[in-house]
Protein backbone atom coordinates (compact mmCIF):
# COMPACT_ATOMS: atom_id res chain seq x y z
CA UNK A 1 -10.70 10.28 9.41
CA UNK A 2 -12.49 8.77 6.43
CA UNK A 3 -11.99 5.06 5.82
CA UNK A 4 -10.36 5.77 2.48
CA UNK A 5 -7.81 8.08 4.09
CA UNK A 6 -7.12 5.47 6.78
CA UNK A 7 -6.40 2.82 4.13
CA UNK A 8 -4.24 5.21 2.11
CA UNK A 9 -2.33 6.15 5.24
CA UNK A 10 -1.72 2.57 6.27
CA UNK A 11 -0.81 1.40 2.78
CA UNK A 12 1.78 4.13 2.67
CA UNK A 13 2.94 3.30 6.18
CA UNK A 14 3.70 -0.21 5.02
CA UNK A 15 5.07 0.77 1.65
CA UNK A 16 7.43 3.33 3.02
CA UNK A 17 8.39 0.91 5.76
CA UNK A 18 9.34 -2.02 3.58
CA UNK A 19 12.43 -0.62 1.97
CA UNK A 20 15.62 -2.48 1.45
CA UNK A 21 15.62 -5.99 0.05
CA UNK A 22 17.74 -7.59 -2.66
CA UNK A 23 17.14 -5.75 -5.95
CA UNK A 24 18.99 -2.67 -7.13
CA UNK A 25 17.00 0.53 -7.90
CA UNK A 26 16.16 1.57 -11.43
CA UNK A 27 15.89 -1.94 -12.83
CA UNK A 28 15.73 -1.69 -16.61
CA UNK A 29 12.54 -2.83 -18.39
CA UNK A 30 14.47 -5.40 -20.41
CA UNK A 31 15.75 -7.22 -17.33
CA UNK A 32 14.38 -10.58 -16.24
CA UNK A 33 12.05 -10.59 -13.23
CA UNK A 34 13.78 -12.01 -10.17
CA UNK A 35 12.25 -13.88 -7.26
CA UNK A 36 11.42 -11.33 -4.57
CA UNK A 37 10.87 -11.82 -0.80
CA UNK A 38 7.07 -11.81 -1.17
CA UNK A 39 6.95 -14.30 -4.08
CA UNK A 40 5.33 -16.59 -4.94
CA UNK A 41 2.80 -15.75 -2.20
CA UNK A 42 2.64 -13.78 1.04
CA UNK A 43 0.03 -12.54 3.51
CA UNK A 44 0.40 -9.81 6.17
CA UNK A 45 -2.22 -9.12 8.86
CA UNK A 46 -2.38 -5.99 11.06
CA UNK A 47 -4.58 -4.43 13.74
CA UNK A 48 -5.17 -0.69 14.22
CA UNK A 49 -5.86 0.88 17.62
CA UNK A 50 -7.07 4.40 18.44
CA UNK A 51 -6.28 6.58 21.46
CA UNK A 52 -7.58 10.02 22.44
CA UNK A 53 -7.97 11.52 25.90
CA UNK A 54 -9.55 8.81 28.10
CA UNK A 55 -9.88 6.37 25.21
CA UNK A 56 -6.81 4.13 25.16
CA UNK A 57 -5.89 1.57 22.50
CA UNK A 58 -9.41 0.93 21.24
CA UNK A 59 -9.48 -1.61 18.39
CA UNK A 60 -10.82 0.07 15.23
CA UNK A 61 -9.78 -1.92 12.15
CA UNK A 62 -8.18 -5.03 10.68
CA UNK A 63 -5.89 -4.99 7.63
CA UNK A 64 -5.01 -7.86 5.30
CA UNK A 65 -2.48 -7.69 2.45
CA UNK A 66 -1.69 -10.48 -0.01
CA UNK A 67 0.79 -10.98 -2.86
CA UNK A 68 0.33 -13.59 -5.58
CA UNK A 69 1.09 -14.34 -9.24
CA UNK A 70 -1.31 -14.71 -12.17
CA UNK A 71 -0.73 -15.92 -15.73
CA UNK A 72 -0.50 -13.19 -18.37
CA UNK A 73 -2.80 -13.14 -21.39
CA UNK A 74 -1.30 -10.75 -23.95
CA UNK A 75 -3.80 -8.58 -25.83
CA UNK A 76 -3.16 -6.57 -29.03
CA UNK A 77 -2.64 -2.87 -28.41
CA UNK A 78 -3.64 0.04 -30.66
CA UNK A 79 -0.59 -0.54 -32.87
CA UNK A 80 -1.59 -4.17 -33.45
CA UNK A 81 1.26 -5.75 -31.51
CA UNK A 82 0.94 -7.73 -28.30
CA UNK A 83 1.17 -5.92 -24.99
CA UNK A 84 3.91 -7.34 -22.77
CA UNK A 85 6.62 -9.73 -23.84
CA UNK A 86 7.92 -13.24 -23.35
CA UNK A 87 9.90 -11.85 -20.40
CA UNK A 88 6.55 -11.40 -18.59
CA UNK A 89 5.16 -14.95 -18.11
CA UNK A 90 3.06 -13.72 -15.19
CA UNK A 91 1.81 -10.57 -13.52
CA UNK A 92 1.95 -9.73 -9.84
CA UNK A 93 -1.42 -9.36 -8.12
CA UNK A 94 -1.61 -7.50 -4.81
CA UNK A 95 -4.75 -7.16 -2.70
CA UNK A 96 -5.49 -5.03 0.34
CA UNK A 97 -8.53 -5.19 2.63
CA UNK A 98 -9.47 -3.00 5.57
CA UNK A 99 -12.61 -3.27 7.71
CA UNK A 100 -13.84 -1.53 10.83
CA UNK A 101 -14.47 -3.48 14.01
CA UNK A 102 -15.17 -3.31 17.72
CA UNK A 103 -16.33 -0.62 20.13
CA UNK A 104 -15.12 2.28 17.98
CA UNK A 105 -17.37 1.37 15.05
CA UNK A 106 -20.41 0.97 17.34
CA UNK A 107 -19.76 4.15 19.35
CA UNK A 108 -19.46 6.43 16.33
CA UNK A 109 -21.70 4.37 14.00
CA UNK A 110 -18.72 4.19 11.65
CA UNK A 111 -18.62 1.03 9.60
CA UNK A 112 -16.36 0.80 6.60
CA UNK A 113 -14.81 -1.77 4.33
CA UNK A 114 -12.44 -1.29 1.43
CA UNK A 115 -10.89 -3.69 -1.06
CA UNK A 116 -8.02 -2.77 -3.40
CA UNK A 117 -6.49 -4.89 -6.15
CA UNK A 118 -3.34 -3.96 -8.07
CA UNK A 119 -1.88 -5.57 -11.19
CA UNK A 120 1.85 -4.97 -11.60
CA UNK A 121 4.42 -5.69 -14.31
CA UNK A 122 6.96 -8.00 -12.60
CA UNK A 123 9.92 -6.78 -14.70
CA UNK A 124 9.59 -2.98 -14.63
CA UNK A 125 7.59 -3.17 -11.37
CA UNK A 126 5.19 -0.47 -12.56
CA UNK A 127 1.48 -0.64 -11.76
CA UNK A 128 -0.81 -1.41 -14.71
CA UNK A 129 -4.25 -1.35 -13.13
CA UNK A 130 -5.88 -0.52 -9.78
CA UNK A 131 -9.41 -1.46 -8.75
CA UNK A 132 -11.13 -0.33 -5.54
CA UNK A 133 -14.40 -1.04 -3.77
CA UNK A 134 -15.16 1.44 -0.97
CA UNK A 135 -18.09 0.86 1.41
CA UNK A 136 -18.91 3.39 4.15
CA UNK A 137 -22.26 2.57 5.72
CA UNK A 138 -24.78 2.68 2.86
CA UNK A 139 -22.38 4.58 0.62
CA UNK A 140 -20.67 2.48 -2.07
CA UNK A 141 -18.15 3.53 -4.71
CA UNK A 142 -16.12 1.44 -7.15
CA UNK A 143 -13.23 2.73 -9.22
CA UNK A 144 -10.57 1.68 -11.70
CA UNK A 145 -7.29 3.36 -12.64
CA UNK A 146 -5.54 2.33 -15.87
CA UNK A 147 -1.85 3.21 -16.22
CA UNK A 148 -0.54 3.46 -19.80
CA UNK A 149 3.27 3.52 -19.82
CA UNK A 150 3.40 4.15 -23.58
CA UNK A 151 1.47 7.43 -23.31
CA UNK A 152 2.61 8.22 -19.76
CA UNK A 153 -0.96 8.77 -18.58
CA UNK A 154 -3.20 7.34 -15.87
CA UNK A 155 -7.00 7.54 -16.24
CA UNK A 156 -9.17 7.01 -13.14
CA UNK A 157 -12.92 6.37 -13.26
CA UNK A 158 -15.25 6.16 -10.23
CA UNK A 159 -18.91 5.12 -10.28
CA UNK A 160 -21.79 4.73 -7.82
CA UNK A 161 -23.18 1.20 -8.34
CA UNK A 162 -26.29 2.13 -6.36
CA UNK A 163 -27.18 5.06 -8.63
CA UNK A 164 -27.00 4.34 -12.36
CA UNK A 165 -28.07 7.91 -13.19
CA UNK A 166 -25.04 9.40 -11.46
CA UNK A 167 -22.33 10.43 -13.91
CA UNK A 168 -18.93 8.76 -13.47
CA UNK A 169 -16.07 10.82 -12.05
CA UNK A 170 -13.10 10.79 -14.40
CA UNK A 171 -9.65 12.24 -13.71
CA UNK A 172 -6.32 11.80 -15.48
CA UNK A 173 -2.69 12.74 -14.91
CA UNK A 174 0.64 12.39 -16.67
CA UNK A 175 3.53 10.41 -15.23
CA UNK A 176 7.06 9.46 -16.21
CA UNK A 177 9.17 6.48 -15.21
CA UNK A 178 8.02 4.05 -12.55
CA UNK A 179 4.80 4.81 -10.72
CA UNK A 180 2.99 2.87 -8.00
CA UNK A 181 -0.43 2.97 -6.42
CA UNK A 182 -1.12 2.97 -2.66
CA UNK A 183 -0.91 -0.82 -2.61
CA UNK A 184 1.79 -1.80 -5.12
CA UNK A 185 4.20 0.66 -3.55
CA UNK A 186 4.25 -1.56 -0.45
CA UNK A 187 5.92 -4.31 -2.44
CA UNK A 188 7.91 -2.14 -4.84
CA UNK A 189 9.78 -0.46 -2.02
CA UNK A 190 10.67 -3.80 -0.48
CA UNK A 191 12.99 -4.25 -3.45
CA UNK A 192 14.86 -0.97 -2.91
CA UNK A 193 17.97 -0.10 -0.86
CA UNK A 194 17.74 1.86 2.41
CA UNK A 195 20.29 4.21 3.95
CA UNK A 196 19.97 5.94 7.31
CA UNK A 197 20.04 9.74 7.11
CA UNK A 198 18.81 9.93 3.52
CA UNK A 199 15.63 11.51 2.14
CA UNK A 200 14.10 10.30 -1.14
CA UNK A 201 10.87 10.60 -3.14
CA UNK A 202 8.40 8.00 -4.40
CA UNK A 203 5.83 8.53 -7.21
CA UNK A 204 2.40 7.29 -6.13
CA UNK A 205 -0.85 7.48 -8.08
CA UNK A 206 -4.21 7.73 -6.32
CA UNK A 207 -7.67 8.73 -7.64
CA UNK A 208 -6.28 10.03 -10.92
CA UNK A 209 -3.50 12.13 -9.40
CA UNK A 210 0.22 11.41 -9.07
CA UNK A 211 2.04 12.53 -5.92
CA UNK A 212 5.73 12.85 -5.09
CA UNK A 213 6.06 11.62 -1.50
CA UNK A 214 9.25 12.54 0.41
CA UNK A 215 10.54 10.02 2.96
CA UNK A 216 13.15 10.66 5.67
CA UNK A 217 15.08 7.71 7.16
CA UNK A 218 15.49 8.80 10.77
CA UNK A 219 17.06 6.31 13.20
CA UNK A 220 17.50 2.76 14.45
CA UNK A 221 16.33 1.36 17.79
CA UNK A 222 15.60 -1.96 19.48
CA UNK A 223 11.91 -2.69 20.08
CA UNK A 224 9.50 -5.44 21.09
CA UNK A 225 7.45 -6.83 18.17
CA UNK A 226 5.58 -9.92 17.00
CA UNK A 227 8.99 -11.22 15.92
CA UNK A 228 10.43 -10.72 19.40
CA UNK A 229 12.92 -7.98 20.32
CA UNK A 230 14.47 -6.76 17.08
CA UNK A 231 16.48 -3.84 15.75
CA UNK A 232 14.13 -1.55 13.85
CA UNK A 233 14.51 1.45 11.56
CA UNK A 234 12.28 4.52 11.84
CA UNK A 235 11.03 6.32 8.75
CA UNK A 236 9.03 9.58 8.59
CA UNK A 237 7.15 9.89 5.26
CA UNK A 238 5.61 13.29 4.55
CA UNK A 239 1.99 12.30 3.84
CA UNK A 240 0.14 15.10 5.58
CA UNK A 241 -0.34 18.76 4.73
CA UNK A 242 -1.93 20.90 2.02
CA UNK A 243 0.36 19.47 -0.67
CA UNK A 244 0.33 15.90 0.62
CA UNK A 245 -1.82 12.88 -0.11
CA UNK A 246 -3.80 13.57 3.09
CA UNK A 247 -4.75 17.24 3.35
CA UNK A 248 -5.02 17.50 7.16
CA UNK A 249 -2.01 18.18 9.39
CA UNK A 250 -0.38 15.23 11.10
CA UNK A 251 2.75 13.24 11.83
CA UNK A 252 3.64 9.70 10.85
CA UNK A 253 6.43 7.42 12.09
CA UNK A 254 6.97 3.82 11.03
CA UNK A 255 9.31 1.02 12.04
CA UNK A 256 10.69 -1.94 10.06
CA UNK A 257 13.08 -4.72 10.96
CA UNK A 258 16.73 -3.91 10.32
CA UNK A 259 17.50 -7.15 8.46
CA UNK A 260 17.20 -8.56 4.95
CA UNK A 261 13.45 -9.11 5.41
CA UNK A 262 12.64 -5.45 6.17
CA UNK A 263 9.30 -6.47 7.67
CA UNK A 264 7.04 -3.53 8.62
CA UNK A 265 6.18 -4.21 12.26
CA UNK A 266 4.72 -1.01 13.68
CA UNK A 267 3.45 2.48 12.83
CA UNK A 268 2.03 5.51 14.63
CA UNK A 269 -0.07 8.36 13.24
CA UNK A 270 -0.75 11.51 15.26
CA UNK A 271 -3.25 14.08 13.98
CA UNK A 272 -6.22 16.17 15.09
CA UNK A 273 -8.36 13.06 15.56
CA UNK A 274 -5.97 11.37 18.00
CA UNK A 275 -3.29 8.67 17.84
CA UNK A 276 -3.48 5.57 15.64
CA UNK A 277 -1.18 2.63 16.49
CA UNK A 278 -0.86 -0.16 13.93
CA UNK A 279 0.83 -3.46 14.79
CA UNK A 280 1.80 -6.55 12.81
CA UNK A 281 -0.16 -9.58 14.11
CA UNK A 282 0.50 -12.36 11.63
CA UNK A 283 2.67 -13.36 8.66
CA UNK A 284 1.95 -16.16 6.20
CA UNK A 285 4.69 -16.81 3.66
CA UNK A 286 2.78 -19.24 1.42
CA UNK A 287 -0.78 -20.57 1.08
CA UNK A 288 0.07 -23.64 3.18
CA UNK A 289 2.90 -22.68 5.55
CA UNK A 290 2.20 -20.28 8.41
CA UNK A 291 5.36 -18.69 9.82
CA UNK A 292 4.23 -16.47 12.66
CA UNK A 293 0.98 -15.75 14.52
CA UNK A 294 -0.15 -13.30 17.13
CA UNK A 295 1.32 -13.96 20.56
CA UNK A 296 -1.19 -14.34 23.38
């Protein structure tokens, strides 16, 4: 599985696992931004393990996700008025990092690193901008997606920084209503309600395309996690398949705590490559106060 697909998969694992916090769905653009569970700052750390045949739980990657605020500088738009409003004193900034590690990377000579940054309107909770840096061995690509709510269009541009003669790749798509990217959706869905037995769709933009991702809320069970033994909810998002965000066949199940925090604690991906298990290892709620760390 390519590094990019692994990051997309995990971002969606988390995003579709973090449903059900305090805000009501469909918040109107004119509403004031409320303090959310991940504000003013939060950090989540995960480890991914791979199993196939005689290979069992081989460490393959580390993930790091952060949420922060940044001051807003309003700029004039094409009509001459300022973008944003006084109701938007800050923007939400989310970052995601994934990097290969351990025996797996050495065995298959597979070294990758990806960084994603999302800028999100804190009132409408719609993504404004997504930047990515994707390194796979000597291959390097950088990209930016700009979401224009006024025109309902996202424009994505990718370049090769190592080859100035290579023409940029440019794709665009239309969208309506709220749309997220593979990172912002993690936090957006933490503000939404969750009901067992229901199936719903989420609009997610990636590489200039917008996907409708169905999610089925399956069951509850008690499981051992970083947080101890907790009640957890299982979700099955439909990511794989010819019409999905990841074109290969596969199955994904994710688990989140069945409480007001809705912390994503575990996920499992099964596909033609093998089984990927992803576990929460650390939570930091603010820049100075560490809440939980990996148990030895």
